[in-house]
Amino acid sequence: MVVWRVPSPVAGSIHAFKYRLALVVDGSCVLRYDNEAGKGDHKHAGDTEMPYVFTTPQALLQDFWSDVDNWEI
């Protein structure tokens, strides 16, 4: 889990944060929130990638932990 403030938005995002949060189970990433350059804000759940609407770092952490709590292993 990494969240940091950047001097200007990452390509594809409109806010000043870069982040990656991941849930790894048995060596495999099963849930990931990130905003890699060019793709903007999104999340991965298993093999599915979907947009994520970033509002604040606090909401990001809350959304991630909510998905972790609801993950069925």
PDB file of N, CA and C in Angstrom:
ATOM      1  N   MET A   1       0.848  -1.156   0.000  1.00  0.00           N
ATOM      2  CA  MET A   1       0.000   0.000   0.000  1.00  0.00           C
ATOM      3  C   MET A   1       0.903   1.230   0.000  1.00  0.00           C
ATOM      4  N   VAL A   2       0.750   2.049  -1.030  1.00  0.00           N
ATOM      5  CA  VAL A   2       1.535   3.272  -1.160  1.00  0.00           C
ATOM      6  C   VAL A   2       0.618   4.375  -1.680  1.00  0.00           C
ATOM      7  N   VAL A   3       0.632   5.514  -1.005  1.00  0.00           N
ATOM      8  CA  VAL A   3      -0.084   6.701  -1.478  1.00  0.00           C
ATOM      9  C   VAL A   3       0.861   7.872  -1.265  1.00  0.00           C
ATOM     10  N   TRP A   4       1.117   8.629  -2.313  1.00  0.00           N
ATOM     11  CA  TRP A   4       1.960   9.792  -2.119  1.00  0.00           C
ATOM     12  C   TRP A   4       1.460  10.963  -2.945  1.00  0.00           C
ATOM     13  N   ARG A   5       1.785  12.169  -2.464  1.00  0.00           N
ATOM     14  CA  ARG A   5       1.407  13.401  -3.160  1.00  0.00           C
ATOM     15  C   ARG A   5       2.460  13.681  -4.233  1.00  0.00           C
ATOM     16  N   VAL A   6       2.006  14.034  -5.423  1.00  0.00           N
ATOM     17  CA  VAL A   6       2.907  14.333  -6.530  1.00  0.00           C
ATOM     18  C   VAL A   6       2.735  15.807  -6.925  1.00  0.00           C
ATOM     19  N   PRO A   7       3.758  16.414  -7.528  1.00  0.00           N
ATOM     20  CA  PRO A   7       3.669  17.844  -7.858  1.00  0.00           C
ATOM     21  C   PRO A   7       2.618  18.173  -8.913  1.00  0.00           C
ATOM     22  N   SER A   8       2.303  17.214  -9.770  1.00  0.00           N
ATOM     23  CA  SER A   8       1.247  17.415 -10.760  1.00  0.00           C
ATOM     24  C   SER A   8       0.558  16.072 -10.995  1.00  0.00           C
ATOM     25  N   PRO A   9      -0.695  16.108 -11.439  1.00  0.00           N
ATOM     26  CA  PRO A   9      -1.431  14.854 -11.622  1.00  0.00           C
ATOM     27  C   PRO A   9      -0.730  13.878 -12.564  1.00  0.00           C
ATOM     28  N   VAL A  10      -0.868  12.600 -12.250  1.00  0.00           N
ATOM     29  CA  VAL A  10      -0.395  11.528 -13.122  1.00  0.00           C
ATOM     30  C   VAL A  10      -1.277  11.546 -14.372  1.00  0.00           C
ATOM     31  N   ALA A  11      -0.696  11.319 -15.543  1.00  0.00           N
ATOM     32  CA  ALA A  11      -1.481  11.313 -16.780  1.00  0.00           C
ATOM     33  C   ALA A  11      -2.698  10.406 -16.637  1.00  0.00           C
ATOM     34  N   GLY A  12      -3.875  10.961 -16.906  1.00  0.00           N
ATOM     35  CA  GLY A  12      -5.115  10.203 -16.784  1.00  0.00           C
ATOM     36  C   GLY A  12      -5.863  10.479 -15.493  1.00  0.00           C
ATOM     37  N   SER A  13      -5.227  11.152 -14.533  1.00  0.00           N
ATOM     38  CA  SER A  13      -5.869  11.515 -13.267  1.00  0.00           C
ATOM     39  C   SER A  13      -5.936  13.040 -13.173  1.00  0.00           C
ATOM     40  N   ILE A  14      -6.818  13.544 -12.306  1.00  0.00           N
ATOM     41  CA  ILE A  14      -6.960  14.997 -12.168  1.00  0.00           C
ATOM     42  C   ILE A  14      -6.617  15.479 -10.761  1.00  0.00           C
ATOM     43  N   HIS A  15      -6.002  14.637  -9.949  1.00  0.00           N
ATOM     44  CA  HIS A  15      -5.663  14.983  -8.567  1.00  0.00           C
ATOM     45  C   HIS A  15      -4.163  14.811  -8.359  1.00  0.00           C
ATOM     46  N   ALA A  16      -3.668  15.296  -7.244  1.00  0.00           N
ATOM     47  CA  ALA A  16      -2.222  15.301  -6.987  1.00  0.00           C
ATOM     48  C   ALA A  16      -1.757  14.117  -6.146  1.00  0.00           C
ATOM     49  N   PHE A  17      -2.331  12.942  -6.389  1.00  0.00           N
ATOM     50  CA  PHE A  17      -1.924  11.743  -5.659  1.00  0.00           C
ATOM     51  C   PHE A  17      -1.602  10.612  -6.621  1.00  0.00           C
ATOM     52  N   LYS A  18      -0.595   9.851  -6.284  1.00  0.00           N
ATOM     53  CA  LYS A  18      -0.236   8.612  -6.986  1.00  0.00           C
ATOM     54  C   LYS A  18      -0.422   7.503  -5.963  1.00  0.00           C
ATOM     55  N   TYR A  19      -1.018   6.392  -6.355  1.00  0.00           N
ATOM     56  CA  TYR A  19      -1.271   5.339  -5.373  1.00  0.00           C
ATOM     57  C   TYR A  19      -1.265   3.959  -6.006  1.00  0.00           C
ATOM     58  N   ARG A  20      -1.014   2.986  -5.148  1.00  0.00           N
ATOM     59  CA  ARG A  20      -1.216   1.574  -5.492  1.00  0.00           C
ATOM     60  C   ARG A  20      -1.483   0.844  -4.187  1.00  0.00           C
ATOM     61  N   LEU A  21      -2.583   0.151  -4.153  1.00  0.00           N
ATOM     62  CA  LEU A  21      -2.985  -0.634  -2.987  1.00  0.00           C
ATOM     63  C   LEU A  21      -3.328  -2.023  -3.498  1.00  0.00           C
ATOM     64  N   ALA A  22      -2.815  -3.046  -2.850  1.00  0.00           N
ATOM     65  CA  ALA A  22      -3.027  -4.398  -3.370  1.00  0.00           C
ATOM     66  C   ALA A  22      -3.312  -5.385  -2.250  1.00  0.00           C
ATOM     67  N   LEU A  23      -4.178  -6.331  -2.537  1.00  0.00           N
ATOM     68  CA  LEU A  23      -4.423  -7.492  -1.690  1.00  0.00           C
ATOM     69  C   LEU A  23      -3.836  -8.686  -2.432  1.00  0.00           C
ATOM     70  N   VAL A  24      -2.860  -9.328  -1.803  1.00  0.00           N
ATOM     71  CA  VAL A  24      -2.193 -10.478  -2.404  1.00  0.00           C
ATOM     72  C   VAL A  24      -2.524 -11.715  -1.583  1.00  0.00           C
ATOM     73  N   VAL A  25      -3.025 -12.744  -2.234  1.00  0.00           N
ATOM     74  CA  VAL A  25      -3.401 -13.992  -1.575  1.00  0.00           C
ATOM     75  C   VAL A  25      -2.615 -15.122  -2.227  1.00  0.00           C
ATOM     76  N   ASP A  26      -1.885 -15.867  -1.424  1.00  0.00           N
ATOM     77  CA  ASP A  26      -1.077 -16.991  -1.931  1.00  0.00           C
ATOM     78  C   ASP A  26      -0.199 -16.590  -3.120  1.00  0.00           C
ATOM     79  N   GLY A  27       0.397 -15.395  -3.040  1.00  0.00           N
ATOM     80  CA  GLY A  27       1.304 -14.932  -4.072  1.00  0.00           C
ATOM     81  C   GLY A  27       0.653 -14.321  -5.298  1.00  0.00           C
ATOM     82  N   SER A  28      -0.672 -14.251  -5.325  1.00  0.00           N
ATOM     83  CA  SER A  28      -1.375 -13.667  -6.471  1.00  0.00           C
ATOM     84  C   SER A  28      -2.121 -12.407  -6.049  1.00  0.00           C
ATOM     85  N   CYS A  29      -2.020 -11.366  -6.864  1.00  0.00           N
ATOM     86  CA  CYS A  29      -2.753 -10.131  -6.600  1.00  0.00           C
ATOM     87  C   CYS A  29      -4.215 -10.355  -6.984  1.00  0.00           C
ATOM     88  N   VAL A  30      -5.115 -10.270  -6.014  1.00  0.00           N
ATOM     89  CA  VAL A  30      -6.530 -10.525  -6.270  1.00  0.00           C
ATOM     90  C   VAL A  30      -7.350  -9.244  -6.274  1.00  0.00           C
ATOM     91  N   LEU A  31      -6.779  -8.148  -5.725  1.00  0.00           N
ATOM     92  CA  LEU A  31      -7.464  -6.864  -5.686  1.00  0.00           C
ATOM     93  C   LEU A  31      -6.403  -5.772  -5.729  1.00  0.00           C
ATOM     94  N   ARG A  32      -6.578  -4.788  -6.619  1.00  0.00           N
ATOM     95  CA  ARG A  32      -5.605  -3.704  -6.696  1.00  0.00           C
ATOM     96  C   ARG A  32      -6.290  -2.413  -7.124  1.00  0.00           C
ATOM     97  N   TYR A  33      -5.986  -1.353  -6.424  1.00  0.00           N
ATOM     98  CA  TYR A  33      -6.393  -0.006  -6.800  1.00  0.00           C
ATOM     99  C   TYR A  33      -5.118   0.711  -7.224  1.00  0.00           C
ATOM    100  N   ASP A  34      -5.144   1.388  -8.387  1.00  0.00           N
ATOM    101  CA  ASP A  34      -3.976   2.144  -8.789  1.00  0.00           C
ATOM    102  C   ASP A  34      -4.344   3.192  -9.832  1.00  0.00           C
ATOM    103  N   ASN A  35      -3.393   4.060 -10.096  1.00  0.00           N
ATOM    104  CA  ASN A  35      -3.580   5.076 -11.134  1.00  0.00           C
ATOM    105  C   ASN A  35      -2.291   5.221 -11.930  1.00  0.00           C
ATOM    106  N   GLU A  36      -1.931   4.152 -12.611  1.00  0.00           N
ATOM    107  CA  GLU A  36      -0.718   4.187 -13.420  1.00  0.00           C
ATOM    108  C   GLU A  36      -0.862   5.209 -14.534  1.00  0.00           C
ATOM    109  N   ALA A  37       0.267   5.792 -14.918  1.00  0.00           N
ATOM    110  CA  ALA A  37       0.273   6.842 -15.938  1.00  0.00           C
ATOM    111  C   ALA A  37      -0.421   6.376 -17.218  1.00  0.00           C
ATOM    112  N   GLY A  38      -1.314   7.211 -17.711  1.00  0.00           N
ATOM    113  CA  GLY A  38      -2.016   6.919 -18.960  1.00  0.00           C
ATOM    114  C   GLY A  38      -3.335   6.200 -18.776  1.00  0.00           C
ATOM    115  N   LYS A  39      -3.510   5.469 -17.678  1.00  0.00           N
ATOM    116  CA  LYS A  39      -4.757   4.738 -17.449  1.00  0.00           C
ATOM    117  C   LYS A  39      -5.667   5.466 -16.478  1.00  0.00           C
ATOM    118  N   GLY A  40      -5.111   6.319 -15.646  1.00  0.00           N
ATOM    119  CA  GLY A  40      -5.922   7.025 -14.661  1.00  0.00           C
ATOM    120  C   GLY A  40      -6.358   6.103 -13.536  1.00  0.00           C
ATOM    121  N   ASP A  41      -7.342   6.555 -12.796  1.00  0.00           N
ATOM    122  CA  ASP A  41      -7.815   5.843 -11.613  1.00  0.00           C
ATOM    123  C   ASP A  41      -8.639   4.623 -11.999  1.00  0.00           C
ATOM    124  N   HIS A  42      -8.271   3.482 -11.438  1.00  0.00           N
ATOM    125  CA  HIS A  42      -9.018   2.252 -11.715  1.00  0.00           C
ATOM    126  C   HIS A  42      -8.698   1.212 -10.651  1.00  0.00           C
ATOM    127  N   LYS A  43      -9.475   0.137 -10.678  1.00  0.00           N
ATOM    128  CA  LYS A  43      -9.192  -0.978  -9.774  1.00  0.00           C
ATOM    129  C   LYS A  43      -9.315  -2.281 -10.531  1.00  0.00           C
ATOM    130  N   HIS A  44      -8.640  -3.282  -9.995  1.00  0.00           N
ATOM    131  CA  HIS A  44      -8.672  -4.635 -10.550  1.00  0.00           C
ATOM    132  C   HIS A  44      -9.250  -5.545  -9.476  1.00  0.00           C
ATOM    133  N   ALA A  45     -10.214  -6.345  -9.851  1.00  0.00           N
ATOM    134  CA  ALA A  45     -10.761  -7.374  -8.964  1.00  0.00           C
ATOM    135  C   ALA A  45     -10.654  -8.677  -9.732  1.00  0.00           C
ATOM    136  N   GLY A  46      -9.694  -9.502  -9.319  1.00  0.00           N
ATOM    137  CA  GLY A  46      -9.408 -10.704 -10.101  1.00  0.00           C
ATOM    138  C   GLY A  46      -8.900 -10.285 -11.465  1.00  0.00           C
ATOM    139  N   ASP A  47      -9.512 -10.813 -12.524  1.00  0.00           N
ATOM    140  CA  ASP A  47      -9.108 -10.478 -13.890  1.00  0.00           C
ATOM    141  C   ASP A  47      -9.874  -9.293 -14.467  1.00  0.00           C
ATOM    142  N   THR A  48     -10.750  -8.690 -13.680  1.00  0.00           N
ATOM    143  CA  THR A  48     -11.584  -7.597 -14.169  1.00  0.00           C
ATOM    144  C   THR A  48     -11.003  -6.244 -13.774  1.00  0.00           C
ATOM    145  N   GLU A  49     -10.887  -5.355 -14.740  1.00  0.00           N
ATOM    146  CA  GLU A  49     -10.435  -3.983 -14.496  1.00  0.00           C
ATOM    147  C   GLU A  49     -11.616  -3.055 -14.694  1.00  0.00           C
ATOM    148  N   MET A  50     -11.804  -2.107 -13.757  1.00  0.00           N
ATOM    149  CA  MET A  50     -12.919  -1.173 -13.853  1.00  0.00           C
ATOM    150  C   MET A  50     -12.483   0.212 -13.395  1.00  0.00           C
ATOM    151  N   PRO A  51     -13.153   1.256 -13.872  1.00  0.00           N
ATOM    152  CA  PRO A  51     -12.802   2.606 -13.441  1.00  0.00           C
ATOM    153  C   PRO A  51     -13.030   2.773 -11.939  1.00  0.00           C
ATOM    154  N   TYR A  52     -12.271   3.663 -11.342  1.00  0.00           N
ATOM    155  CA  TYR A  52     -12.457   4.025  -9.936  1.00  0.00           C
ATOM    156  C   TYR A  52     -12.530   5.548  -9.866  1.00  0.00           C
ATOM    157  N   VAL A  53     -13.496   6.066  -9.142  1.00  0.00           N
ATOM    158  CA  VAL A  53     -13.644   7.512  -8.990  1.00  0.00           C
ATOM    159  C   VAL A  53     -12.934   7.934  -7.712  1.00  0.00           C
ATOM    160  N   PHE A  54     -11.765   8.533  -7.869  1.00  0.00           N
ATOM    161  CA  PHE A  54     -10.983   9.006  -6.727  1.00  0.00           C
ATOM    162  C   PHE A  54     -11.558  10.335  -6.249  1.00  0.00           C
ATOM    163  N   THR A  55     -11.762  10.440  -4.915  1.00  0.00           N
ATOM    164  CA  THR A  55     -12.218  11.707  -4.347  1.00  0.00           C
ATOM    165  C   THR A  55     -11.203  12.255  -3.345  1.00  0.00           C
ATOM    166  N   THR A  56     -10.799  11.421  -2.378  1.00  0.00           N
ATOM    167  CA  THR A  56      -9.812  11.820  -1.372  1.00  0.00           C
ATOM    168  C   THR A  56      -8.982  10.591  -1.000  1.00  0.00           C
ATOM    169  N   PRO A  57      -7.788  10.811  -0.446  1.00  0.00           N
ATOM    170  CA  PRO A  57      -7.021   9.662   0.030  1.00  0.00           C
ATOM    171  C   PRO A  57      -7.769   8.864   1.105  1.00  0.00           C
ATOM    172  N   GLN A  58      -8.507   9.552   1.966  1.00  0.00           N
ATOM    173  CA  GLN A  58      -9.262   8.869   3.016  1.00  0.00           C
ATOM    174  C   GLN A  58     -10.335   7.963   2.421  1.00  0.00           C
ATOM    175  N   ALA A  59     -11.047   8.464   1.410  1.00  0.00           N
ATOM    176  CA  ALA A  59     -12.077   7.649   0.751  1.00  0.00           C
ATOM    177  C   ALA A  59     -11.447   6.467   0.022  1.00  0.00           C
ATOM    178  N   LEU A  60     -10.284   6.679  -0.591  1.00  0.00           N
ATOM    179  CA  LEU A  60      -9.567   5.595  -1.263  1.00  0.00           C
ATOM    180  C   LEU A  60      -9.279   4.467  -0.282  1.00  0.00           C
ATOM    181  N   LEU A  61      -8.713   4.802   0.864  1.00  0.00           N
ATOM    182  CA  LEU A  61      -8.413   3.780   1.871  1.00  0.00           C
ATOM    183  C   LEU A  61      -9.684   3.096   2.365  1.00  0.00           C
ATOM    184  N   GLN A  62     -10.723   3.863   2.591  1.00  0.00           N
ATOM    185  CA  GLN A  62     -11.989   3.286   3.050  1.00  0.00           C
ATOM    186  C   GLN A  62     -12.563   2.328   2.003  1.00  0.00           C
ATOM    187  N   ASP A  63     -12.539   2.728   0.728  1.00  0.00           N
ATOM    188  CA  ASP A  63     -13.062   1.870  -0.345  1.00  0.00           C
ATOM    189  C   ASP A  63     -12.239   0.589  -0.466  1.00  0.00           C
ATOM    190  N   PHE A  64     -10.914   0.729  -0.406  1.00  0.00           N
ATOM    191  CA  PHE A  64     -10.045  -0.440  -0.499  1.00  0.00           C
ATOM    192  C   PHE A  64     -10.313  -1.409   0.639  1.00  0.00           C
ATOM    193  N   TRP A  65     -10.316  -0.903   1.886  1.00  0.00           N
ATOM    194  CA  TRP A  65     -10.530  -1.801   3.030  1.00  0.00           C
ATOM    195  C   TRP A  65     -11.928  -2.409   3.020  1.00  0.00           C
ATOM    196  N   SER A  66     -12.905  -1.694   2.493  1.00  0.00           N
ATOM    197  CA  SER A  66     -14.248  -2.261   2.358  1.00  0.00           C
ATOM    198  C   SER A  66     -14.225  -3.441   1.391  1.00  0.00           C
ATOM    199  N   ASP A  67     -13.527  -3.293   0.262  1.00  0.00           N
ATOM    200  CA  ASP A  67     -13.403  -4.404  -0.688  1.00  0.00           C
ATOM    201  C   ASP A  67     -12.623  -5.570  -0.081  1.00  0.00           C
ATOM    202  N   VAL A  68     -11.573  -5.270   0.690  1.00  0.00           N
ATOM    203  CA  VAL A  68     -10.816  -6.329   1.358  1.00  0.00           C
ATOM    204  C   VAL A  68     -11.729  -7.081   2.324  1.00  0.00           C
ATOM    205  N   ASP A  69     -12.504  -6.350   3.118  1.00  0.00           N
ATOM    206  CA  ASP A  69     -13.407  -6.984   4.089  1.00  0.00           C
ATOM    207  C   ASP A  69     -14.447  -7.873   3.412  1.00  0.00           C
ATOM    208  N   ASN A  70     -14.829  -7.512   2.184  1.00  0.00           N
ATOM    209  CA  ASN A  70     -15.855  -8.265   1.462  1.00  0.00           C
ATOM    210  C   ASN A  70     -15.278  -9.330   0.535  1.00  0.00           C
ATOM    211  N   TRP A  71     -13.947  -9.433   0.481  1.00  0.00           N
ATOM    212  CA  TRP A  71     -13.309 -10.402  -0.407  1.00  0.00           C
ATOM    213  C   TRP A  71     -13.552 -11.817   0.117  1.00  0.00           C
ATOM    214  N   GLU A  72     -13.924 -12.713  -0.761  1.00  0.00           N
ATOM    215  CA  GLU A  72     -14.144 -14.109  -0.377  1.00  0.00           C
ATOM    216  C   GLU A  72     -12.980 -14.941  -0.866  1.00  0.00           C
ATOM    217  N   ILE A  73     -12.234 -15.459   0.073  1.00  0.00           N
ATOM    218  CA  ILE A  73     -11.063 -16.274  -0.257  1.00  0.00           C
ATOM    219  C   ILE A  73     -11.467 -17.725  -0.374  1.00  0.00           C
TER     220      ILE A  73
END
